């Protein structure tokens, strides 16, 4: 079996690539950097430049499934230009893949796309599952809607489509956890806003395993990629501090200060999504890290 991964050199993509190789699954990957192209029998890189609509279509040869993980980081200030980059890096890349497949005699049967919890409206009370029809009207909510619509296009090619709505990814290297632990290292950790907002999180290892599970079970539709036990921001920041043997003594960072410092991006840390993992668990998937303390102990 061979898969194609976009975003393979990123945090999540690199984990999935390692999982595939460990299981004897060969990996093709697309990169915008020619310096990152490798050419091994089981791990081959191919160049693409979605901004110019360029792609080496050899990347599709003998491929059975695509993991579409490409997308500009949302952890930067959202200027008007960068907002467009966030959109284009997800939607234009999917369109380039779709157009390439549409005009080729391909062997691909699955398209598994990253997505995000930002599609759910912010709420301190509602528990969201995949059947939720309400959509958040924020910038991030609109991005996710377009992202998922771009993925659904692949159904027109008789390809099974799965969308993985990912929560806060906790990893030892990179990602949100490292940014959150830095102030705590100096006893300067603090919760954000009220601290009551829900953080539906997932350990990076569980996330990679979840993607593999979807591929191996040939699942279709939307799946929330979150651990079974979400926590509030207060609980998350306190958990990080305790694992580092530090204290949270500063008052919560006010929402207004975050909005001034981060602009629209402040919605990422201030919004609240309490999200269910029942659907993916009902397919037989088992989380290794169900509770935050165990996950933080492993990572920190």
Protein backbone atom coordinates (compact mmCIF):
# COMPACT_ATOMS: atom_id res chain seq x y z
CA UNK A 1 0.00 0.00 0.00
CA UNK A 2 1.13 3.55 -0.72
CA UNK A 3 -0.23 6.86 0.59
CA UNK A 4 0.28 10.49 -0.38
CA UNK A 5 0.66 13.04 2.41
CA UNK A 6 0.46 16.81 2.07
CA UNK A 7 2.00 18.61 5.04
CA UNK A 8 4.13 15.52 5.71
CA UNK A 9 6.98 17.51 7.24
CA UNK A 10 4.67 19.27 9.70
CA UNK A 11 3.87 18.19 13.26
CA UNK A 12 0.95 15.86 12.49
CA UNK A 13 2.13 14.77 9.04
CA UNK A 14 5.52 13.61 10.28
CA UNK A 15 3.86 11.43 12.93
CA UNK A 16 1.51 9.88 10.37
CA UNK A 17 4.40 9.26 7.96
CA UNK A 18 6.31 7.41 10.70
CA UNK A 19 3.22 5.36 11.56
CA UNK A 20 2.81 4.39 7.91
CA UNK A 21 6.43 3.39 7.46
CA UNK A 22 6.35 1.34 10.68
CA UNK A 23 3.39 -0.61 9.28
CA UNK A 24 5.09 -1.23 5.93
CA UNK A 25 3.00 1.38 4.11
CA UNK A 26 4.99 3.34 1.52
CA UNK A 27 4.77 7.13 1.60
CA UNK A 28 4.76 9.78 -1.10
CA UNK A 29 4.74 13.36 0.10
CA UNK A 30 4.35 16.78 -1.46
CA UNK A 31 6.58 19.68 -0.45
CA UNK A 32 7.05 23.28 -1.56
CA UNK A 33 10.77 23.01 -0.74
CA UNK A 34 12.96 21.16 -3.22
CA UNK A 35 15.55 20.79 -0.43
CA UNK A 36 13.12 18.53 1.46
CA UNK A 37 12.70 16.05 -1.39
CA UNK A 38 13.98 12.56 -0.60
CA UNK A 39 13.89 9.59 -2.94
CA UNK A 40 13.83 6.31 -1.06
CA UNK A 41 11.91 3.22 -2.12
CA UNK A 42 9.36 3.66 0.67
CA UNK A 43 9.54 7.43 1.20
CA UNK A 44 9.47 9.70 -1.86
CA UNK A 45 9.14 13.45 -2.06
CA UNK A 46 7.55 15.42 -4.90
CA UNK A 47 7.55 19.15 -5.56
CA UNK A 48 4.47 21.33 -5.81
CA UNK A 49 3.73 25.04 -5.78
CA UNK A 50 -0.01 25.54 -5.24
CA UNK A 51 0.34 29.32 -5.60
CA UNK A 52 1.34 28.69 -9.25
CA UNK A 53 -0.90 25.67 -9.71
CA UNK A 54 2.16 23.44 -10.18
CA UNK A 55 2.35 19.81 -9.08
CA UNK A 56 4.46 16.80 -9.97
CA UNK A 57 1.65 14.37 -10.81
CA UNK A 58 4.04 11.44 -10.45
CA UNK A 59 3.17 11.74 -6.76
CA UNK A 60 -0.16 10.04 -7.52
CA UNK A 61 1.25 6.87 -9.03
CA UNK A 62 0.16 3.67 -7.25
CA UNK A 63 -1.30 5.69 -4.37
CA UNK A 64 -4.28 4.23 -2.50
CA UNK A 65 -5.11 7.06 -0.07
CA UNK A 66 -4.38 10.75 0.46
CA UNK A 67 -3.87 12.46 3.82
CA UNK A 68 -4.47 16.16 3.17
CA UNK A 69 -2.84 18.04 6.06
CA UNK A 70 -1.41 21.09 4.29
CA UNK A 71 -2.33 24.48 5.72
CA UNK A 72 -0.67 27.67 6.94
CA UNK A 73 -0.36 27.95 10.72
CA UNK A 74 -3.14 29.82 12.51
CA UNK A 75 -0.68 30.75 15.28
CA UNK A 76 0.37 34.01 13.62
CA UNK A 77 -1.23 37.44 13.62
CA UNK A 78 -4.16 37.44 11.22
CA UNK A 79 -3.52 40.33 8.89
CA UNK A 80 -5.83 40.54 5.87
CA UNK A 81 -3.06 39.06 3.69
CA UNK A 82 -2.36 36.25 6.13
CA UNK A 83 -6.06 35.42 6.44
CA UNK A 84 -6.08 34.85 2.69
CA UNK A 85 -3.01 32.63 3.01
CA UNK A 86 -4.76 30.56 5.68
CA UNK A 87 -7.67 30.01 3.30
CA UNK A 88 -5.65 29.44 0.12
CA UNK A 89 -3.21 27.01 1.77
CA UNK A 90 -6.14 24.72 2.54
CA UNK A 91 -8.62 25.25 -0.29
CA UNK A 92 -6.31 25.84 -3.26
CA UNK A 93 -4.16 22.86 -2.36
CA UNK A 94 -7.23 20.62 -2.22
CA UNK A 95 -8.43 21.99 -5.57
CA UNK A 96 -5.04 21.33 -7.17
CA UNK A 97 -5.19 17.72 -5.97
CA UNK A 98 -8.79 17.37 -7.17
CA UNK A 99 -8.01 18.76 -10.62
CA UNK A 100 -4.96 16.49 -10.91
CA UNK A 101 -7.01 13.42 -10.04
CA UNK A 102 -9.89 14.43 -12.27
CA UNK A 103 -7.63 14.43 -15.31
CA UNK A 104 -5.75 11.22 -14.47
CA UNK A 105 -6.36 7.49 -14.35
CA UNK A 106 -5.77 7.23 -10.60
CA UNK A 107 -5.92 4.38 -8.07
CA UNK A 108 -6.97 6.45 -5.04
CA UNK A 109 -9.95 5.26 -3.01
CA UNK A 110 -9.70 7.48 0.09
CA UNK A 111 -9.23 11.19 0.80
CA UNK A 112 -8.69 11.98 4.49
CA UNK A 113 -8.64 15.69 5.23
CA UNK A 114 -7.65 17.64 8.30
CA UNK A 115 -10.31 19.94 9.69
CA UNK A 116 -10.86 21.83 12.94
CA UNK A 117 -13.24 22.31 15.85
CA UNK A 118 -13.55 25.98 14.90
CA UNK A 119 -16.61 25.06 12.85
CA UNK A 120 -18.60 24.71 16.12
CA UNK A 121 -19.97 27.90 17.73
CA UNK A 122 -18.23 28.95 20.92
CA UNK A 123 -20.25 27.86 23.96
CA UNK A 124 -19.60 27.15 27.63
CA UNK A 125 -22.61 24.82 27.85
CA UNK A 126 -23.24 22.98 24.57
CA UNK A 127 -21.73 19.56 23.98
CA UNK A 128 -21.04 19.22 20.26
CA UNK A 129 -21.00 16.06 18.18
CA UNK A 130 -20.53 15.57 14.44
CA UNK A 131 -24.26 15.93 13.73
CA UNK A 132 -24.29 19.55 14.92
CA UNK A 133 -25.71 21.81 12.20
CA UNK A 134 -24.91 25.20 13.75
CA UNK A 135 -21.82 26.85 12.28
CA UNK A 136 -19.58 29.42 13.90
CA UNK A 137 -19.63 32.75 12.03
CA UNK A 138 -16.06 33.72 12.99
CA UNK A 139 -13.23 33.78 10.44
CA UNK A 140 -12.01 30.40 11.61
CA UNK A 141 -15.50 28.94 11.36
CA UNK A 142 -15.80 30.13 7.77
CA UNK A 143 -12.35 28.72 6.95
CA UNK A 144 -13.33 25.28 8.23
CA UNK A 145 -16.58 25.30 6.25
CA UNK A 146 -14.68 26.02 3.02
CA UNK A 147 -12.02 23.46 3.99
CA UNK A 148 -14.60 20.71 4.39
CA UNK A 149 -16.46 21.70 1.21
CA UNK A 150 -13.17 21.38 -0.71
CA UNK A 151 -12.70 17.88 0.74
CA UNK A 152 -16.26 16.82 -0.13
CA UNK A 153 -15.58 17.56 -3.81
CA UNK A 154 -13.56 14.33 -3.98
CA UNK A 155 -16.80 12.35 -3.63
CA UNK A 156 -17.47 13.33 -7.24
CA UNK A 157 -14.53 11.08 -8.19
CA UNK A 158 -15.99 8.09 -6.30
CA UNK A 159 -13.45 8.56 -3.53
CA UNK A 160 -14.36 7.98 0.12
CA UNK A 161 -13.96 11.23 2.07
CA UNK A 162 -13.26 11.57 5.79
CA UNK A 163 -12.82 14.89 7.63
CA UNK A 164 -10.95 14.98 10.93
CA UNK A 165 -12.05 17.88 13.13
CA UNK A 166 -9.01 18.25 15.31
CA UNK A 167 -8.87 19.74 18.78
CA UNK A 168 -5.93 21.27 20.63
CA UNK A 169 -2.97 19.05 19.71
CA UNK A 170 -0.60 18.35 22.59
CA UNK A 171 2.93 17.38 21.54
CA UNK A 172 6.38 17.37 23.12
CA UNK A 173 7.90 19.30 20.22
CA UNK A 174 6.09 22.14 18.51
CA UNK A 175 2.40 22.95 18.68
CA UNK A 176 0.39 24.83 21.28
CA UNK A 177 1.73 23.03 24.35
CA UNK A 178 5.22 24.43 23.92
CA UNK A 179 3.89 27.99 23.72
CA UNK A 180 1.76 27.42 26.82
CA UNK A 181 4.56 25.90 28.90
CA UNK A 182 7.15 28.62 28.23
CA UNK A 183 5.64 31.18 30.67
CA UNK A 184 5.01 28.41 33.22
CA UNK A 185 8.72 27.49 33.11
CA UNK A 186 9.37 30.90 34.69
CA UNK A 187 6.42 30.75 37.10
CA UNK A 188 4.61 33.21 34.84
CA UNK A 189 1.86 30.89 33.63
CA UNK A 190 -1.72 32.13 33.62
CA UNK A 191 -5.08 31.09 32.20
CA UNK A 192 -6.66 33.06 29.36
CA UNK A 193 -9.77 35.21 29.68
CA UNK A 194 -12.25 33.74 32.14
CA UNK A 195 -10.43 30.40 32.04
CA UNK A 196 -13.83 28.70 31.93
CA UNK A 197 -13.69 28.06 28.18
CA UNK A 198 -13.55 24.41 27.20
CA UNK A 199 -10.42 23.01 25.56
CA UNK A 200 -11.04 19.77 23.70
CA UNK A 201 -7.52 18.39 23.37
CA UNK A 202 -5.77 15.34 21.91
CA UNK A 203 -2.32 13.78 22.35
CA UNK A 204 -0.31 13.78 19.12
CA UNK A 205 0.17 10.00 19.28
CA UNK A 206 -3.58 9.42 19.54
CA UNK A 207 -4.17 11.83 16.66
CA UNK A 208 -1.78 9.97 14.35
CA UNK A 209 -3.33 6.65 15.39
CA UNK A 210 -6.81 8.07 14.73
CA UNK A 211 -5.85 9.02 11.16
CA UNK A 212 -4.46 5.53 10.61
CA UNK A 213 -7.62 3.98 12.06
CA UNK A 214 -9.80 5.96 9.64
CA UNK A 215 -7.69 4.81 6.70
CA UNK A 216 -7.51 1.17 7.73
CA UNK A 217 -11.23 0.96 8.52
CA UNK A 218 -12.04 2.90 5.32
CA UNK A 219 -14.28 5.25 7.30
CA UNK A 220 -16.21 8.09 5.69
CA UNK A 221 -17.75 11.28 7.05
CA UNK A 222 -16.82 13.66 9.86
CA UNK A 223 -14.96 12.59 13.00
CA UNK A 224 -13.98 14.67 16.01
CA UNK A 225 -10.33 14.12 16.94
CA UNK A 226 -10.50 14.92 20.65
CA UNK A 227 -9.75 12.95 23.80
CA UNK A 228 -12.78 11.72 25.77
CA UNK A 229 -12.21 14.14 28.67
CA UNK A 230 -12.02 17.84 27.71
CA UNK A 231 -10.87 20.37 30.31
CA UNK A 232 -11.31 24.08 30.92
CA UNK A 233 -8.48 26.47 30.15
CA UNK A 234 -8.00 26.92 33.92
CA UNK A 235 -7.57 23.16 34.30
CA UNK A 236 -5.22 22.94 31.32
CA UNK A 237 -2.90 25.71 32.50
CA UNK A 238 -2.96 24.37 36.07
CA UNK A 239 -2.16 20.88 34.78
CA UNK A 240 0.83 22.18 32.82
CA UNK A 241 2.14 24.09 35.85
CA UNK A 242 1.77 21.08 38.17
CA UNK A 243 3.55 18.77 35.76
CA UNK A 244 6.43 21.26 35.61
CA UNK A 245 6.31 21.64 39.42
CA UNK A 246 5.52 25.33 39.04
CA UNK A 247 2.84 27.60 40.46
CA UNK A 248 0.14 29.61 38.74
CA UNK A 249 0.09 32.77 40.82
CA UNK A 250 -0.62 35.42 38.19
CA UNK A 251 -4.21 36.50 37.50
CA UNK A 252 -5.83 35.31 34.29
CA UNK A 253 -4.82 37.25 31.19
CA UNK A 254 -7.84 39.49 30.45
CA UNK A 255 -9.73 38.86 27.22
CA UNK A 256 -9.32 42.51 26.23
CA UNK A 257 -5.53 42.32 26.58
CA UNK A 258 -5.46 39.20 24.42
CA UNK A 259 -7.57 40.90 21.76
CA UNK A 260 -5.19 43.86 21.72
CA UNK A 261 -2.10 41.63 21.59
CA UNK A 262 -3.37 39.00 19.14
CA UNK A 263 -6.15 40.71 17.20
CA UNK A 264 -8.68 38.33 15.66
CA UNK A 265 -6.40 35.39 16.46
CA UNK A 266 -7.37 35.80 20.13
CA UNK A 267 -10.54 33.85 19.30
CA UNK A 268 -8.37 30.70 19.12
CA UNK A 269 -7.60 30.84 22.85
CA UNK A 270 -10.83 32.49 24.03
CA UNK A 271 -13.41 30.38 22.20
CA UNK A 272 -14.96 27.39 23.95
CA UNK A 273 -15.77 24.07 22.29
CA UNK A 274 -16.88 21.13 24.41
CA UNK A 275 -16.73 18.28 21.90
CA UNK A 276 -17.66 14.59 22.00
CA UNK A 277 -15.35 11.75 20.93
CA UNK A 278 -18.13 9.14 20.97
CA UNK A 279 -18.41 8.68 17.21
CA UNK A 280 -14.81 7.65 16.59
CA UNK A 281 -14.79 5.47 19.73
CA UNK A 282 -17.90 3.69 18.48
CA UNK A 283 -15.91 2.57 15.42
CA UNK A 284 -13.55 0.66 17.70
CA UNK A 285 -10.88 3.33 18.17
CA UNK A 286 -9.21 3.33 21.59
CA UNK A 287 -7.43 6.36 23.01
CA UNK A 288 -4.13 5.76 24.77
CA UNK A 289 -4.36 9.13 26.52
CA UNK A 290 -7.90 9.71 27.78
CA UNK A 291 -7.07 12.07 30.63
CA UNK A 292 -4.99 15.24 30.66
CA UNK A 293 -2.62 14.38 33.57
CA UNK A 294 -1.43 11.19 31.85
CA UNK A 295 -0.95 13.05 28.55
CA UNK A 296 1.04 15.86 30.18
CA UNK A 297 3.12 13.39 32.17
CA UNK A 298 4.13 11.72 28.91
CA UNK A 299 4.85 14.97 27.07
CA UNK A 300 6.41 17.15 29.77
